[in-house]
Amino acid sequence: MTANELYQYPVESESKDLNDLRGCYYNHIPEIDQFWNYLDQDVLDKNDRVVIKTLKFFNFDGRRYWQLATVWYQNQPVMVIQNAGREGDDHARRFITNPELYREMILFIYSLLPLTIQDTTNDLIDPTVDNPALTSFYHNTLTGHFERF
């Protein structure tokens, strides 16, 4: 079966809970791995663009399950994801079918984070103002004398 056929497959359920994209030992969006802990319920409730469409979910024994799902961003398919085993951690795989849209989805999820996490004001400078810190660092300057150790 092709990914496009899976995108047309009947859906068992839909979710906008971004936590469905990661578990204890897997992460279908590793590019934002260090920020997952900041995605609390208030942040997750702001998600109005990413949808996880579950095609099949089977729970074997209350702990082990098998799941096949697709991930959509702004009503367009982005990737197919698989999880199986204990809490879905024993097997996890993703198949990205639209890399451009995947990148946009990552930026959108990043935009949901609290501003204090995204804040890069320490790195912002006015490019027209003389700034010695640009050329002077680690006890040397761009136009200075360098000695070998």
Foldseek 3Di string as FASTA:
>chain_A
DDVVVVVVADFPDKDLQLCVQDDDQDHVCCVCVVCPVQCDPVLSVPRPFKMKTWRDWDDDDVFWIWTWIFIGGNNHTFKIWIFTTGNSNVDIDIDGDDVVVVVVVVVVSVVSGPCVVVDPVVVDDDPVDDDQVVADDPNDGPPGDDDDD
